Protein backbone atom coordinates (compact mmCIF):
# COMPACT_ATOMS: atom_id res chain seq x y z
CA UNK A 1 50.83 80.70 131.87
CA UNK A 2 49.44 81.29 135.45
CA UNK A 3 50.16 79.21 138.51
CA UNK A 4 46.55 77.89 139.00
CA UNK A 5 46.58 76.63 135.43
CA UNK A 6 49.89 75.19 135.49
CA UNK A 7 48.94 73.39 139.03
CA UNK A 8 45.81 71.86 137.06
CA UNK A 9 47.79 70.69 134.31
CA UNK A 10 50.48 69.08 136.48
CA UNK A 11 47.54 67.33 138.54
CA UNK A 12 45.94 66.00 135.31
CA UNK A 13 49.18 64.65 134.18
CA UNK A 14 49.96 62.85 137.45
CA UNK A 15 46.26 61.61 137.42
CA UNK A 16 46.72 59.91 133.86
CA UNK A 17 49.63 57.72 135.47
CA UNK A 18 47.14 54.95 136.60
CA UNK A 19 47.42 51.29 135.73
CA UNK A 20 43.56 50.57 135.43
CA UNK A 21 42.34 51.09 132.37
CA UNK A 22 38.79 52.43 133.00
CA UNK A 23 40.30 54.99 135.41
CA UNK A 24 42.66 56.07 132.66
CA UNK A 25 39.87 56.56 130.11
CA UNK A 26 37.85 58.53 132.61
CA UNK A 27 40.97 60.81 133.05
CA UNK A 28 41.52 61.04 129.45
CA UNK A 29 37.87 62.62 129.34
CA UNK A 30 38.83 65.10 131.84
CA UNK A 31 41.86 66.09 129.68
CA UNK A 32 39.43 66.40 126.53
CA UNK A 33 37.25 68.97 128.66
CA UNK A 34 40.35 70.95 129.65
CA UNK A 35 41.29 71.28 125.96
CA UNK A 36 37.85 72.40 124.97
CA UNK A 37 37.68 75.11 128.35
CA UNK A 38 41.54 75.97 128.07
CA UNK A 39 42.89 76.24 124.56
CA UNK A 40 46.19 77.07 126.20
CA UNK A 41 46.57 73.71 127.56
CA UNK A 42 47.42 72.57 124.11
CA UNK A 43 51.02 74.02 124.74
CA UNK A 44 51.53 71.28 126.73
CA UNK A 45 50.73 68.69 124.23
CA UNK A 46 52.42 70.13 121.32
CA UNK A 47 56.07 68.61 121.64
CA UNK A 48 56.40 65.49 119.47
CA UNK A 49 56.48 62.23 120.51
CA UNK A 50 60.01 60.49 121.00
CA UNK A 51 60.53 57.01 119.62
CA UNK A 52 63.68 55.20 120.06
CA UNK A 53 65.62 53.16 117.44
CA UNK A 54 63.03 50.37 117.65
CA UNK A 55 60.02 52.86 117.30
CA UNK A 56 59.00 52.44 121.03
CA UNK A 57 57.31 55.62 122.47
CA UNK A 58 59.90 56.79 125.03
CA UNK A 59 58.63 60.15 125.89
CA UNK A 60 57.54 63.75 124.64
CA UNK A 61 60.09 66.46 124.24
CA UNK A 62 59.36 69.12 126.67
CA UNK A 63 58.95 69.65 130.39
CA UNK A 64 56.64 66.63 131.09
CA UNK A 65 58.22 64.08 129.00
CA UNK A 66 59.86 62.35 131.72
CA UNK A 67 56.93 61.99 133.86
CA UNK A 68 54.62 60.46 131.38
CA UNK A 69 54.51 56.64 131.19
CA UNK A 70 54.57 55.30 127.61
CA UNK A 71 51.00 54.06 127.38
CA UNK A 72 49.55 57.48 128.51
CA UNK A 73 51.92 59.20 125.95
CA UNK A 74 50.14 57.16 123.37
CA UNK A 75 46.59 58.43 124.46
CA UNK A 76 47.82 62.07 124.85
CA UNK A 77 48.93 61.87 121.22
CA UNK A 78 45.83 60.62 120.01
CA UNK A 79 44.08 63.50 121.45
CA UNK A 80 46.69 65.91 119.63
CA UNK A 81 45.23 64.49 116.59
CA UNK A 82 41.66 65.90 117.21
CA UNK A 83 43.31 69.39 117.18
CA UNK A 84 44.62 68.57 113.88
CA UNK A 85 48.33 68.78 113.80
CA UNK A 86 49.16 65.24 114.64
CA UNK A 87 49.90 63.99 111.15
CA UNK A 88 52.83 66.38 110.51
CA UNK A 89 54.74 63.97 112.73
CA UNK A 90 54.36 61.15 110.05
CA UNK A 91 54.50 58.63 112.21
CA UNK A 92 54.58 55.09 110.17
CA UNK A 93 56.25 52.56 112.47
CA UNK A 94 54.96 52.08 116.18
CA UNK A 95 56.08 49.52 118.57
CA UNK A 96 53.46 48.89 121.63
CA UNK A 97 54.88 45.33 122.34
CA UNK A 98 56.43 46.52 125.40
CA UNK A 99 52.71 47.28 126.78
CA UNK A 100 50.68 44.67 128.97
CA UNK A 101 47.29 46.02 127.53
CA UNK A 102 46.02 48.46 125.10
CA UNK A 103 42.60 49.40 124.07
CA UNK A 104 42.58 51.35 121.09
CA UNK A 105 40.10 54.43 121.14
CA UNK A 106 38.66 55.89 117.96
CA UNK A 107 41.08 58.96 118.38
CA UNK A 108 44.11 56.43 117.82
CA UNK A 109 42.76 56.07 114.10
CA UNK A 110 43.17 59.73 113.38
CA UNK A 111 46.23 60.16 115.25
CA UNK A 112 48.38 57.84 113.05
CA UNK A 113 48.98 56.69 109.31
CA UNK A 114 50.67 53.51 110.12
CA UNK A 115 52.64 51.21 108.01
CA UNK A 116 53.75 48.89 110.81
CA UNK A 117 52.05 48.50 114.32
CA UNK A 118 53.42 45.96 116.87
CA UNK A 119 50.61 45.01 118.94
CA UNK A 120 50.77 44.49 122.80
CA UNK A 121 50.13 41.24 124.48
CA UNK A 122 46.70 42.05 125.04
CA UNK A 123 44.50 44.47 123.18
CA UNK A 124 40.81 45.25 122.49
CA UNK A 125 38.61 44.21 119.56
CA UNK A 126 38.71 47.60 117.70
CA UNK A 127 42.16 47.90 115.99
CA UNK A 128 43.31 50.93 113.98
CA UNK A 129 44.44 50.55 110.34
CA UNK A 130 47.84 49.40 109.33
CA UNK A 131 49.58 47.71 106.66
CA UNK A 132 51.47 45.14 108.59
CA UNK A 133 50.56 43.94 112.03
CA UNK A 134 53.19 42.41 114.40
CA UNK A 135 51.66 40.30 116.98
CA UNK A 136 52.48 37.30 119.34
CA UNK A 137 51.15 33.77 118.13
CA UNK A 138 48.90 33.66 121.20
CA UNK A 139 47.27 36.68 120.04
CA UNK A 140 46.16 35.21 116.67
CA UNK A 141 42.80 34.28 117.90
CA UNK A 142 41.87 37.53 119.07
CA UNK A 143 41.55 39.17 115.81
CA UNK A 144 38.53 38.38 113.58
CA UNK A 145 38.77 36.95 109.95
CA UNK A 146 37.63 39.81 108.33
CA UNK A 147 39.82 42.00 110.29
CA UNK A 148 42.86 39.50 109.59
CA UNK A 149 42.04 39.90 106.01
CA UNK A 150 42.72 43.92 105.95
CA UNK A 151 46.46 43.60 106.70
CA UNK A 152 49.59 41.54 106.55
CA UNK A 153 50.97 39.98 109.49
CA UNK A 154 54.36 39.04 111.04
CA UNK A 155 54.09 36.22 113.70
CA UNK A 156 56.18 36.63 116.86
CA UNK A 157 56.49 33.21 118.24
CA UNK A 158 56.14 32.31 121.73
CA UNK A 159 56.68 28.87 123.56
CA UNK A 160 53.30 28.06 124.43
CA UNK A 161 50.14 28.79 122.66
CA UNK A 162 49.48 27.75 119.02
CA UNK A 163 48.58 29.89 116.35
CA UNK A 164 44.93 29.39 114.96
CA UNK A 165 45.18 27.67 111.68
CA UNK A 166 42.17 29.55 110.27
CA UNK A 167 44.32 32.44 110.35
CA UNK A 168 47.68 31.33 108.78
CA UNK A 169 46.87 33.08 105.60
CA UNK A 170 48.31 36.62 105.31
CA UNK A 171 51.47 35.92 107.46
CA UNK A 172 54.42 37.48 105.74
CA UNK A 173 57.02 37.23 108.37
CA UNK A 174 57.80 34.64 111.27
CA UNK A 175 59.97 35.96 114.55
CA UNK A 176 61.41 32.88 115.95
CA UNK A 177 64.25 34.45 118.27
CA UNK A 178 62.49 34.06 121.48
CA UNK A 179 61.52 30.21 121.09
CA UNK A 180 63.32 26.93 121.02
CA UNK A 181 64.36 25.20 117.55
CA UNK A 182 61.78 22.73 118.11
CA UNK A 183 58.85 25.57 118.43
CA UNK A 184 60.34 27.23 115.28
CA UNK A 185 60.45 24.19 113.18
CA UNK A 186 56.61 23.18 113.82
CA UNK A 187 55.81 26.73 113.07
CA UNK A 188 57.66 26.88 109.95
CA UNK A 189 56.28 23.61 108.72
CA UNK A 190 52.59 24.87 109.37
CA UNK A 191 53.46 27.86 107.03
CA UNK A 192 55.16 25.72 104.42
CA UNK A 193 52.51 27.15 101.57
CA UNK A 194 52.56 30.64 103.05
CA UNK A 195 54.05 33.70 101.01
CA UNK A 196 56.69 34.13 103.52
CA UNK A 197 59.02 37.20 103.26
CA UNK A 198 60.67 37.80 106.38
CA UNK A 199 62.20 35.08 108.66
CA UNK A 200 64.25 35.41 112.09
CA UNK A 201 65.61 31.98 113.47
CA UNK A 202 66.35 31.04 117.10
CA UNK A 203 69.73 31.70 118.24
CA UNK A 204 72.23 29.03 117.14
CA UNK A 205 69.74 27.23 114.73
CA UNK A 206 71.14 24.31 112.92
CA UNK A 207 68.56 22.06 111.75
CA UNK A 208 67.96 23.58 108.25
CA UNK A 209 66.62 20.42 106.46
CA UNK A 210 63.38 20.61 108.26
CA UNK A 211 62.59 24.15 107.18
CA UNK A 212 60.29 24.74 104.17
CA UNK A 213 61.80 26.64 101.36
CA UNK A 214 60.10 29.90 100.25
CA UNK A 215 62.36 30.55 97.23
CA UNK A 216 59.64 32.60 95.44
CA UNK A 217 58.99 35.04 98.41
CA UNK A 218 61.85 35.08 101.17
CA UNK A 219 63.58 38.37 101.21
CA UNK A 220 65.19 38.90 104.68
CA UNK A 221 66.80 36.12 106.88
CA UNK A 222 68.12 37.03 110.12
CA UNK A 223 70.20 34.29 112.23
CA UNK A 224 72.35 34.74 115.44
CA UNK A 225 75.16 32.31 115.80
CA UNK A 226 74.06 30.09 113.10
CA UNK A 227 75.38 26.69 112.50
CA UNK A 228 76.00 26.31 108.73
CA UNK A 229 76.47 23.00 106.95
CA UNK A 230 75.98 21.51 103.33
CA UNK A 231 72.30 21.41 103.95
CA UNK A 232 71.89 24.98 105.14
CA UNK A 233 74.17 26.26 102.45
CA UNK A 234 72.19 24.47 99.82
CA UNK A 235 69.08 25.92 101.57
CA UNK A 236 70.59 29.55 101.60
CA UNK A 237 71.49 29.06 97.83
CA UNK A 238 68.06 28.35 96.89
CA UNK A 239 66.90 31.54 98.04
CA UNK A 240 67.88 33.67 95.21
CA UNK A 241 65.40 36.77 96.33
CA UNK A 242 67.04 37.50 99.45
CA UNK A 243 67.63 41.06 100.04
CA UNK A 244 69.00 40.98 103.42
CA UNK A 245 70.98 38.24 105.09
CA UNK A 246 72.17 38.41 108.67
CA UNK A 247 74.84 35.88 109.81
CA UNK A 248 75.74 37.27 112.93
CA UNK A 249 78.25 35.48 115.17
CA UNK A 250 78.63 32.69 112.78
CA UNK A 251 81.44 30.60 113.76
CA UNK A 252 83.15 30.18 110.14
CA UNK A 253 85.91 31.98 109.44
CA UNK A 254 85.10 32.47 105.84
CA UNK A 255 82.22 33.76 103.97
CA UNK A 256 79.79 31.08 102.98
CA UNK A 257 80.25 30.15 99.03
CA UNK A 258 76.47 29.82 98.93
CA UNK A 259 76.14 33.63 99.38
CA UNK A 260 77.97 34.18 95.84
CA UNK A 261 74.80 33.11 94.21
CA UNK A 262 72.46 35.89 95.92
CA UNK A 263 73.01 38.35 93.17
CA UNK A 264 70.04 40.38 94.78
CA UNK A 265 71.49 40.82 97.97
CA UNK A 266 71.30 44.17 99.36
CA UNK A 267 72.37 44.07 103.06
CA UNK A 268 75.00 41.65 104.49
CA UNK A 269 75.57 41.27 108.30
CA UNK A 270 78.81 39.44 108.84
CA UNK A 271 79.62 41.11 112.22
CA UNK A 272 81.38 39.20 115.33
CA UNK A 273 82.63 36.51 113.33
CA UNK A 274 86.11 34.96 112.96
CA UNK A 275 85.96 36.16 109.20
CA UNK A 276 89.74 36.60 108.19
CA UNK A 277 89.32 37.87 104.59
CA UNK A 278 86.69 38.43 101.76
CA UNK A 279 86.58 36.25 99.09
CA UNK A 280 87.72 36.86 95.40
CA UNK A 281 84.09 36.52 94.31
CA UNK A 282 82.79 39.21 96.65
CA UNK A 283 82.43 41.81 94.03
CA UNK A 284 79.83 39.80 92.11
CA UNK A 285 77.22 40.82 94.89
CA UNK A 286 76.35 43.45 92.49
CA UNK A 287 73.51 44.84 94.21
CA UNK A 288 75.03 44.79 97.81
CA UNK A 289 74.15 48.28 99.34
CA UNK A 290 75.11 47.61 103.27
CA UNK A 291 77.94 45.68 104.42
CA UNK A 292 78.68 44.89 108.49
CA UNK A 293 82.02 43.51 108.81
CA UNK A 294 82.58 44.82 112.57
CA UNK A 295 84.41 42.98 114.98
CA UNK A 296 85.60 40.42 112.58
CA UNK A 297 89.35 39.25 112.14
CA UNK A 298 89.72 41.32 109.17
CA UNK A 299 93.10 43.40 109.85
CA UNK A 300 94.37 44.35 106.39
CA UNK A 301 92.22 46.44 104.12
CA UNK A 302 90.29 44.06 101.80
CA UNK A 303 90.93 45.73 98.32
CA UNK A 304 88.09 44.06 96.79
CA UNK A 305 85.74 46.53 98.66
CA UNK A 306 86.66 49.17 95.93
CA UNK A 307 85.29 47.41 93.54
CA UNK A 308 81.67 46.84 94.66
CA UNK A 309 80.34 49.84 92.94
CA UNK A 310 76.92 49.56 94.57
CA UNK A 311 78.15 49.57 98.16
CA UNK A 312 76.96 52.89 100.00
CA UNK A 313 77.30 51.96 103.72
CA UNK A 314 79.90 50.01 105.37
CA UNK A 315 80.26 48.88 109.14
CA UNK A 316 84.00 48.41 110.25
CA UNK A 317 85.78 46.94 113.24
CA UNK A 318 86.08 48.78 116.47
CA UNK A 319 89.50 47.71 117.74
CA UNK A 320 92.99 48.51 116.64
CA UNK A 321 92.67 52.21 115.63
CA UNK A 322 96.09 52.00 113.31
CA UNK A 323 94.29 49.79 110.93
CA UNK A 324 90.90 51.26 111.16
CA UNK A 325 92.75 54.84 110.20
CA UNK A 326 94.39 53.09 107.47
CA UNK A 327 91.05 51.78 106.06
CA UNK A 328 89.41 54.89 106.51
CA UNK A 329 92.04 56.59 104.29
CA UNK A 330 91.93 53.79 101.39
CA UNK A 331 87.92 54.30 101.44
CA UNK A 332 88.37 57.89 100.98
CA UNK A 333 90.16 57.68 97.93
CA UNK A 334 88.58 54.82 96.39
CA UNK A 335 84.93 55.16 97.43
CA UNK A 336 84.04 58.70 97.67
CA UNK A 337 80.32 58.17 98.19
CA UNK A 338 80.41 55.46 100.87
CA UNK A 339 79.04 56.08 104.52
CA UNK A 340 81.43 54.32 106.93
CA UNK A 341 80.68 53.83 110.38
CA UNK A 342 83.19 52.63 113.10
CA UNK A 343 81.00 50.35 115.32
CA UNK A 344 81.85 51.06 119.09
CA UNK A 345 79.17 48.58 120.73
CA UNK A 346 77.41 46.25 118.18
CA UNK A 347 73.75 46.25 118.68
CA UNK A 348 71.97 42.87 118.51
CA UNK A 349 69.89 43.13 115.40
CA UNK A 350 66.01 42.49 115.61
CA UNK A 351 63.75 41.46 112.87
CA UNK A 352 61.83 44.85 113.09
CA UNK A 353 64.89 46.91 112.92
CA UNK A 354 66.39 44.82 109.91
CA UNK A 355 63.28 44.62 107.87
CA UNK A 356 62.68 48.47 108.49
CA UNK A 357 66.16 49.29 107.15
CA UNK A 358 65.32 47.66 103.76
CA UNK A 359 61.81 49.28 103.80
CA UNK A 360 62.57 52.85 104.15
């Protein structure tokens, strides 16, 4: 590639790093013109988009990946779609929640075949197709009833701003991790008749008696530092359809007995708890696929793990290398097809990541 063309491309990419939306669109038209006149420019747009573990765009692989702002990367990616090679990336999950504002140009629709799209705080009226939209509660009023009915929705609660009651239908998830228990309870009660499948509670949530029961639909429950008492255990034991349960940093030293009845449970996270042993009924969880017991007080190898035939993925403690080595030896003998991960630094789970784990 000649020096002149390389300089031109560099100037174009630098010109795209602007905040003003109208200037951004104007520069995108300039880029489109270069694509038409200089097909060699495509060489600089061919690297695939790089997503992090939360499906947030963090760059392109290639020379200019580190110089592009995230919002700009999305639009460059859309223009790649015009050249017919975008769908090979099979981007199904895209998180734009970090963006302040995004207007979806028509090219975006061609660029992605999305299952999930996490919408930014502000967005234009024209939305691309997606199966599940994740949006802040204050953004509900920006979506027409006709568009609302085309997808399902996860409501990411904010302290301020009430969701539009007209748009309550079609909500399949509530993410209440960033709000107060009072705000969470109010929203849950508004959605008592919804077909709710995914629920994330505020950290340290304890007032379970005020939460509706979605016994026919709830599949995912995420709790950080939950307080479990008799009412909460009754609430949990009623939700027999649960497939994923996160009780991370729960202060209890034993596995809540209500879990025994959750025979459809596939994913269980008991990490960072004072758990000292697994109960004798643990092998009754006949559907258990993934178990996270990292950073617990479990020291001796729990023999009952060998009797859970459905278990395929196990996260274990990161401290005390001697005991970890003993665990790994026993697991190699008793569970040949089990994938074991030794967590060095436990990541705080998000509803997006937890639900995605059981979706794909």
